[in-house]
Amino acid sequence: MEPLQNIREGHEVARMPMHDNSLVINPSMTVHVVLTHPHDPAKIYWVLNRQEPLTTTYHFSRTPKPRGWGNPGGGLEVMDAQDNAGHTRSSDQMIQTCARREVVAETGFTNFNFEYATPLNSVFLRYTCPSGHHVITLAALLQNFQQVAVEEVEEIEDGAWFDLSVSPIELFQRRSDLPYWSHVRRSIMVLNRIAQRSTRRPFPLIHPTWNLVFPIKDMNAPKRSTLPSTAWYQQLRHHIRQMTEADTETGTPIVPGKDFETRLKQDEESWRKFGESLAQYRL
């Protein structure tokens, strides 16, 4: 088994791929997929999750899962452990089986290929939260836009492509729902890993303001100091309100154009200062 390498990401611990069959299916284990656009490497497909009345996912401490945009995915199930002939699947095969089922059920896309983190393993990130929630993240490249009907309509309200080369301020100014903080972080980490090793695809140019979901390292800060997710949400909502508020003189909403671009530059400068203020936090 390949030694596990730990990377701090907020309160979660990233564990790199394992190459054995030690995977144990349990209710606290979920698989997410960063689904990338076939022609634009900075675009990923997120689904809009409905708020759940009740969930047994340990990550949310048995409270309703909040509404928000995130990567498609779901829990590993017993049926993922064996193929149709009754043969036991390897850990990686189980994970891919679950991932494919969930992507099709939540997005309707049927033709996509998994990226590989290593020549023999498709798992890019493994996270274990203190609560016991285990999250596995894969990456997949869509081959075409052929879709079937979304099956999990009771959980998924919508789906859309999000261009991470665009500032989140601009991207979400006309949307009432925000993305999950942890899904943003994992998506960026996966895209960066793909870019570092890929010779087949263009480098995804991610807008720098997305990186503010990561705390800034400061060796002088307290060891357990981490960036609270609420800080990122509050700052993003603040700038979205500024972008959508009515003009004080005309009473009309700000629309794309010169005024829009000026305001956007001002807000991105404010984002930069916000990032500098996070120097007290560390990974």
Protein backbone atom coordinates (compact mmCIF):
# COMPACT_ATOMS: atom_id res chain seq x y z
CA MET A 1 0.00 0.00 0.00
CA GLU A 2 1.27 3.44 -0.89
CA PRO A 3 2.00 5.52 2.24
CA LEU A 4 -0.69 8.07 3.03
CA GLN A 5 0.34 11.70 2.73
CA ASN A 6 -1.62 14.22 4.79
CA ILE A 7 -2.40 17.75 3.63
CA ARG A 8 -4.28 20.19 5.83
CA GLU A 9 -7.37 21.70 4.21
CA GLY A 10 -9.29 23.54 6.87
CA HIS A 11 -10.47 20.92 9.37
CA GLU A 12 -10.14 18.08 6.85
CA VAL A 13 -7.18 15.83 6.12
CA ALA A 14 -6.39 14.94 2.51
CA ARG A 15 -5.22 11.39 1.97
CA MET A 16 -3.64 10.45 -1.32
CA PRO A 17 -4.63 7.28 -3.27
CA MET A 18 -4.33 3.76 -1.92
CA HIS A 19 -3.70 0.84 -4.28
CA ASP A 20 -5.14 -2.06 -2.28
CA ASN A 21 -8.58 -3.55 -1.67
CA SER A 22 -8.96 -2.23 1.88
CA LEU A 23 -11.89 0.05 1.05
CA VAL A 24 -14.80 -0.62 3.39
CA ILE A 25 -18.23 0.61 2.35
CA ASN A 26 -20.09 2.48 5.08
CA PRO A 27 -22.75 5.23 5.26
CA SER A 28 -20.17 7.96 5.96
CA MET A 29 -18.27 7.43 2.68
CA THR A 30 -19.10 9.51 -0.40
CA VAL A 31 -17.57 9.94 -3.86
CA HIS A 32 -17.54 13.29 -5.69
CA VAL A 33 -16.55 13.97 -9.30
CA VAL A 34 -15.02 17.13 -10.76
CA LEU A 35 -16.58 16.98 -14.23
CA THR A 36 -14.71 19.14 -16.76
CA HIS A 37 -15.85 20.61 -20.07
CA PRO A 38 -14.62 18.83 -23.22
CA HIS A 39 -13.33 22.06 -24.81
CA ASP A 40 -12.63 24.45 -21.93
CA PRO A 41 -10.51 23.06 -19.06
CA ALA A 42 -11.51 25.86 -16.66
CA LYS A 43 -15.22 24.96 -16.87
CA ILE A 44 -16.69 22.42 -14.50
CA TYR A 45 -20.24 21.13 -14.11
CA TRP A 46 -21.94 21.71 -10.77
CA VAL A 47 -25.37 20.57 -9.67
CA LEU A 48 -27.73 22.54 -7.43
CA ASN A 49 -28.52 20.39 -4.43
CA ARG A 50 -31.87 20.88 -2.72
CA GLN A 51 -31.84 21.30 1.03
CA GLU A 52 -32.50 17.92 2.56
CA PRO A 53 -35.05 17.45 5.35
CA LEU A 54 -32.74 14.96 7.05
CA THR A 55 -29.40 13.33 6.32
CA THR A 56 -27.30 10.64 7.96
CA THR A 57 -24.07 11.99 6.46
CA TYR A 58 -21.74 12.47 9.40
CA HIS A 59 -20.14 15.56 7.86
CA PHE A 60 -23.31 17.55 8.54
CA SER A 61 -23.74 16.12 12.05
CA ARG A 62 -27.08 14.56 11.09
CA THR A 63 -28.56 17.98 10.31
CA PRO A 64 -30.20 18.80 6.96
CA LYS A 65 -27.73 19.17 4.12
CA PRO A 66 -27.79 22.84 3.07
CA ARG A 67 -28.86 23.98 -0.38
CA GLY A 68 -26.01 24.84 -2.74
CA TRP A 69 -23.98 24.19 -5.88
CA GLY A 70 -21.45 21.40 -5.82
CA ASN A 71 -19.80 18.51 -7.60
CA PRO A 72 -22.03 15.56 -8.50
CA GLY A 73 -21.61 12.53 -6.28
CA GLY A 74 -23.08 10.30 -3.63
CA GLY A 75 -22.52 7.47 -1.22
CA LEU A 76 -20.83 4.15 -1.93
CA GLU A 77 -23.32 1.29 -1.89
CA VAL A 78 -23.07 -2.45 -1.39
CA MET A 79 -23.86 -3.08 -5.05
CA ASP A 80 -20.63 -1.25 -6.00
CA ALA A 81 -18.51 -4.00 -4.42
CA GLN A 82 -19.16 -6.68 -7.10
CA ASP A 83 -19.61 -6.77 -10.87
CA ASN A 84 -22.51 -8.48 -12.66
CA ALA A 85 -20.65 -11.82 -12.61
CA GLY A 86 -20.23 -11.66 -8.83
CA HIS A 87 -16.52 -10.88 -8.89
CA THR A 88 -15.20 -8.57 -6.19
CA ARG A 89 -14.08 -5.23 -7.53
CA SER A 90 -10.87 -3.51 -6.49
CA SER A 91 -11.13 -0.32 -4.43
CA ASP A 92 -10.58 1.84 -7.50
CA GLN A 93 -13.19 -0.10 -9.50
CA MET A 94 -15.73 0.30 -6.68
CA ILE A 95 -15.09 4.02 -6.51
CA GLN A 96 -15.41 4.48 -10.29
CA THR A 97 -18.61 2.42 -10.36
CA CYS A 98 -20.17 4.62 -7.71
CA ALA A 99 -18.89 7.79 -9.38
CA ARG A 100 -20.29 6.86 -12.79
CA ARG A 101 -23.69 5.95 -11.37
CA GLU A 102 -23.95 9.22 -9.44
CA VAL A 103 -22.80 11.45 -12.31
CA VAL A 104 -25.35 9.94 -14.69
CA ALA A 105 -28.13 10.12 -12.09
CA GLU A 106 -27.44 13.75 -11.12
CA THR A 107 -26.33 15.34 -14.42
CA GLY A 108 -27.75 13.08 -17.13
CA PHE A 109 -24.37 13.00 -18.91
CA THR A 110 -23.44 9.49 -20.00
CA ASN A 111 -20.24 9.83 -22.03
CA PHE A 112 -17.24 10.78 -19.90
CA ASN A 113 -13.85 9.32 -19.07
CA PHE A 114 -12.14 9.35 -15.71
CA GLU A 115 -8.79 11.09 -15.36
CA TYR A 116 -6.04 9.21 -13.53
CA ALA A 117 -4.09 10.67 -10.64
CA THR A 118 -1.48 7.95 -11.13
CA PRO A 119 -1.16 5.33 -13.89
CA LEU A 120 -3.14 2.84 -11.77
CA ASN A 121 -5.39 5.00 -9.65
CA SER A 122 -8.16 7.50 -10.39
CA VAL A 123 -8.51 8.93 -6.88
CA PHE A 124 -7.23 12.50 -6.71
CA LEU A 125 -8.18 13.34 -3.12
CA ARG A 126 -9.27 11.42 -0.03
CA TYR A 127 -10.57 13.39 2.95
CA THR A 128 -11.55 12.27 6.40
CA CYS A 129 -13.31 14.80 8.60
CA PRO A 130 -13.12 14.59 12.40
CA SER A 131 -16.81 13.65 12.34
CA GLY A 132 -15.94 10.50 10.39
CA HIS A 133 -17.23 11.62 6.99
CA HIS A 134 -14.92 10.21 4.30
CA VAL A 135 -14.89 12.03 0.95
CA ILE A 136 -13.22 10.67 -2.19
CA THR A 137 -12.80 13.01 -5.17
CA LEU A 138 -12.30 11.91 -8.77
CA ALA A 139 -12.00 13.87 -12.02
CA ALA A 140 -13.73 13.13 -15.30
CA LEU A 141 -13.56 14.66 -18.77
CA LEU A 142 -16.86 14.91 -20.63
CA GLN A 143 -16.63 13.49 -24.18
CA ASN A 144 -19.86 14.92 -25.61
CA PHE A 145 -23.05 16.59 -24.43
CA GLN A 146 -25.37 13.62 -24.84
CA GLN A 147 -27.74 13.53 -21.87
CA VAL A 148 -30.52 11.41 -20.47
CA ALA A 149 -33.14 12.53 -17.96
CA VAL A 150 -31.82 13.35 -14.50
CA GLU A 151 -32.94 10.60 -12.12
CA GLU A 152 -32.40 12.19 -8.73
CA VAL A 153 -34.82 15.09 -9.17
CA GLU A 154 -35.78 14.88 -5.51
CA GLU A 155 -32.19 15.85 -4.62
CA ILE A 156 -31.01 17.86 -7.64
CA GLU A 157 -32.84 20.98 -8.79
CA ASP A 158 -30.56 22.16 -11.59
CA GLY A 159 -27.15 21.83 -13.22
CA ALA A 160 -24.87 24.27 -15.03
CA TRP A 161 -21.35 24.85 -16.32
CA PHE A 162 -19.25 27.23 -14.22
CA ASP A 163 -16.24 28.97 -15.73
CA LEU A 164 -13.62 29.26 -12.99
CA SER A 165 -11.60 31.68 -15.15
CA VAL A 166 -14.31 34.22 -14.21
CA SER A 167 -14.39 35.92 -10.80
CA PRO A 168 -16.94 34.37 -8.40
CA ILE A 169 -18.25 37.89 -7.80
CA GLU A 170 -19.32 38.15 -11.43
CA LEU A 171 -20.29 34.50 -11.78
CA PHE A 172 -22.77 34.48 -8.90
CA GLN A 173 -24.18 37.99 -9.03
CA ARG A 174 -27.29 36.71 -10.84
CA ARG A 175 -27.66 33.50 -8.84
CA SER A 176 -29.35 33.27 -5.47
CA ASP A 177 -27.42 30.15 -4.40
CA LEU A 178 -23.68 29.87 -3.70
CA PRO A 179 -21.36 26.88 -4.14
CA TYR A 180 -20.25 24.69 -1.26
CA TRP A 181 -16.99 26.05 0.14
CA SER A 182 -15.39 22.59 0.37
CA HIS A 183 -16.39 21.68 -3.20
CA VAL A 184 -14.77 24.85 -4.54
CA ARG A 185 -11.54 24.01 -2.74
CA ARG A 186 -11.43 20.42 -3.95
CA SER A 187 -12.29 21.42 -7.51
CA ILE A 188 -9.41 23.88 -7.65
CA MET A 189 -6.99 21.35 -6.13
CA VAL A 190 -8.00 18.69 -8.67
CA LEU A 191 -7.78 21.08 -11.65
CA ASN A 192 -4.33 22.18 -10.54
CA ARG A 193 -3.14 18.59 -10.24
CA ILE A 194 -4.45 17.80 -13.72
CA ALA A 195 -2.72 20.87 -15.14
CA GLN A 196 0.61 20.01 -13.53
CA ARG A 197 0.88 16.61 -15.19
CA SER A 198 -1.20 16.91 -18.37
CA THR A 199 0.37 17.33 -21.81
CA ARG A 200 -2.87 16.67 -23.66
CA ARG A 201 -4.98 19.58 -22.44
CA PRO A 202 -4.58 23.37 -22.11
CA PHE A 203 -3.72 24.69 -18.67
CA PRO A 204 -6.93 25.78 -16.87
CA LEU A 205 -6.61 29.50 -16.11
CA ILE A 206 -8.43 29.83 -12.78
CA HIS A 207 -9.31 33.36 -11.67
CA PRO A 208 -7.10 34.21 -8.66
CA THR A 209 -10.01 35.29 -6.47
CA TRP A 210 -11.22 31.67 -6.28
CA ASN A 211 -8.05 30.85 -4.35
CA LEU A 212 -9.28 32.89 -1.40
CA VAL A 213 -11.11 29.76 -0.23
CA PHE A 214 -7.67 28.64 0.97
CA PRO A 215 -6.14 30.08 4.15
CA ILE A 216 -2.80 31.83 3.81
CA LYS A 217 0.21 30.22 5.47
CA ASP A 218 1.85 32.13 8.29
CA MET A 219 4.42 30.28 10.36
CA ASN A 220 3.95 32.76 13.22
CA ALA A 221 0.22 32.04 13.53
CA PRO A 222 -1.22 29.58 16.07
CA LYS A 223 -0.83 26.00 14.82
CA ARG A 224 -4.56 25.27 14.86
CA SER A 225 -5.58 28.54 13.24
CA THR A 226 -7.70 27.89 10.12
CA LEU A 227 -9.86 29.92 7.78
CA PRO A 228 -13.55 29.66 8.76
CA SER A 229 -15.82 29.00 5.78
CA THR A 230 -18.12 31.79 6.97
CA ALA A 231 -15.41 34.38 6.20
CA TRP A 232 -15.37 33.44 2.52
CA TYR A 233 -19.17 33.32 2.26
CA GLN A 234 -19.58 36.68 3.98
CA GLN A 235 -17.05 38.38 1.76
CA LEU A 236 -18.53 36.90 -1.41
CA ARG A 237 -22.09 37.86 -0.45
CA HIS A 238 -20.91 41.37 0.41
CA HIS A 239 -19.45 41.92 -3.07
CA ILE A 240 -22.40 40.31 -4.81
CA ARG A 241 -24.72 42.74 -3.02
CA GLN A 242 -22.54 45.62 -4.15
CA MET A 243 -22.68 44.40 -7.75
CA THR A 244 -26.45 44.01 -7.80
CA GLU A 245 -27.62 46.98 -5.75
CA ALA A 246 -29.48 49.72 -7.56
CA ASP A 247 -27.60 52.75 -8.77
CA THR A 248 -28.15 55.56 -6.23
CA GLU A 249 -28.90 58.17 -8.87
CA THR A 250 -30.99 56.32 -11.45
CA GLY A 251 -32.49 53.59 -9.29
CA THR A 252 -31.67 51.01 -11.96
CA PRO A 253 -29.67 47.81 -11.42
CA ILE A 254 -26.03 47.80 -12.47
CA VAL A 255 -25.69 45.93 -15.75
CA PRO A 256 -22.65 44.72 -17.71
CA GLY A 257 -20.80 47.63 -19.24
CA LYS A 258 -18.39 50.34 -18.18
CA ASP A 259 -19.94 50.78 -14.71
CA PHE A 260 -19.99 47.04 -14.23
CA GLU A 261 -16.33 46.63 -15.16
CA THR A 262 -15.30 49.52 -12.90
CA ARG A 263 -17.17 48.06 -9.94
CA LEU A 264 -15.76 44.61 -10.63
CA LYS A 265 -12.18 45.93 -10.57
CA GLN A 266 -12.87 47.72 -7.31
CA ASP A 267 -14.31 44.58 -5.74
CA GLU A 268 -11.44 42.43 -6.93
CA GLU A 269 -9.04 44.87 -5.30
CA SER A 270 -11.07 44.53 -2.12
CA TRP A 271 -10.81 40.73 -2.48
CA ARG A 272 -7.03 41.09 -2.66
CA LYS A 273 -6.98 43.09 0.57
CA PHE A 274 -9.29 40.52 2.12
CA GLY A 275 -6.78 37.82 1.23
CA GLU A 276 -3.95 39.78 2.82
CA SER A 277 -5.99 40.11 6.00
CA LEU A 278 -6.09 36.33 6.30
CA ALA A 279 -2.37 36.12 7.04
CA GLN A 280 -3.27 35.09 10.60
CA TYR A 281 -4.56 31.80 9.25
CA ARG A 282 -2.54 28.87 7.98
CA LEU A 283 -3.00 25.51 6.32
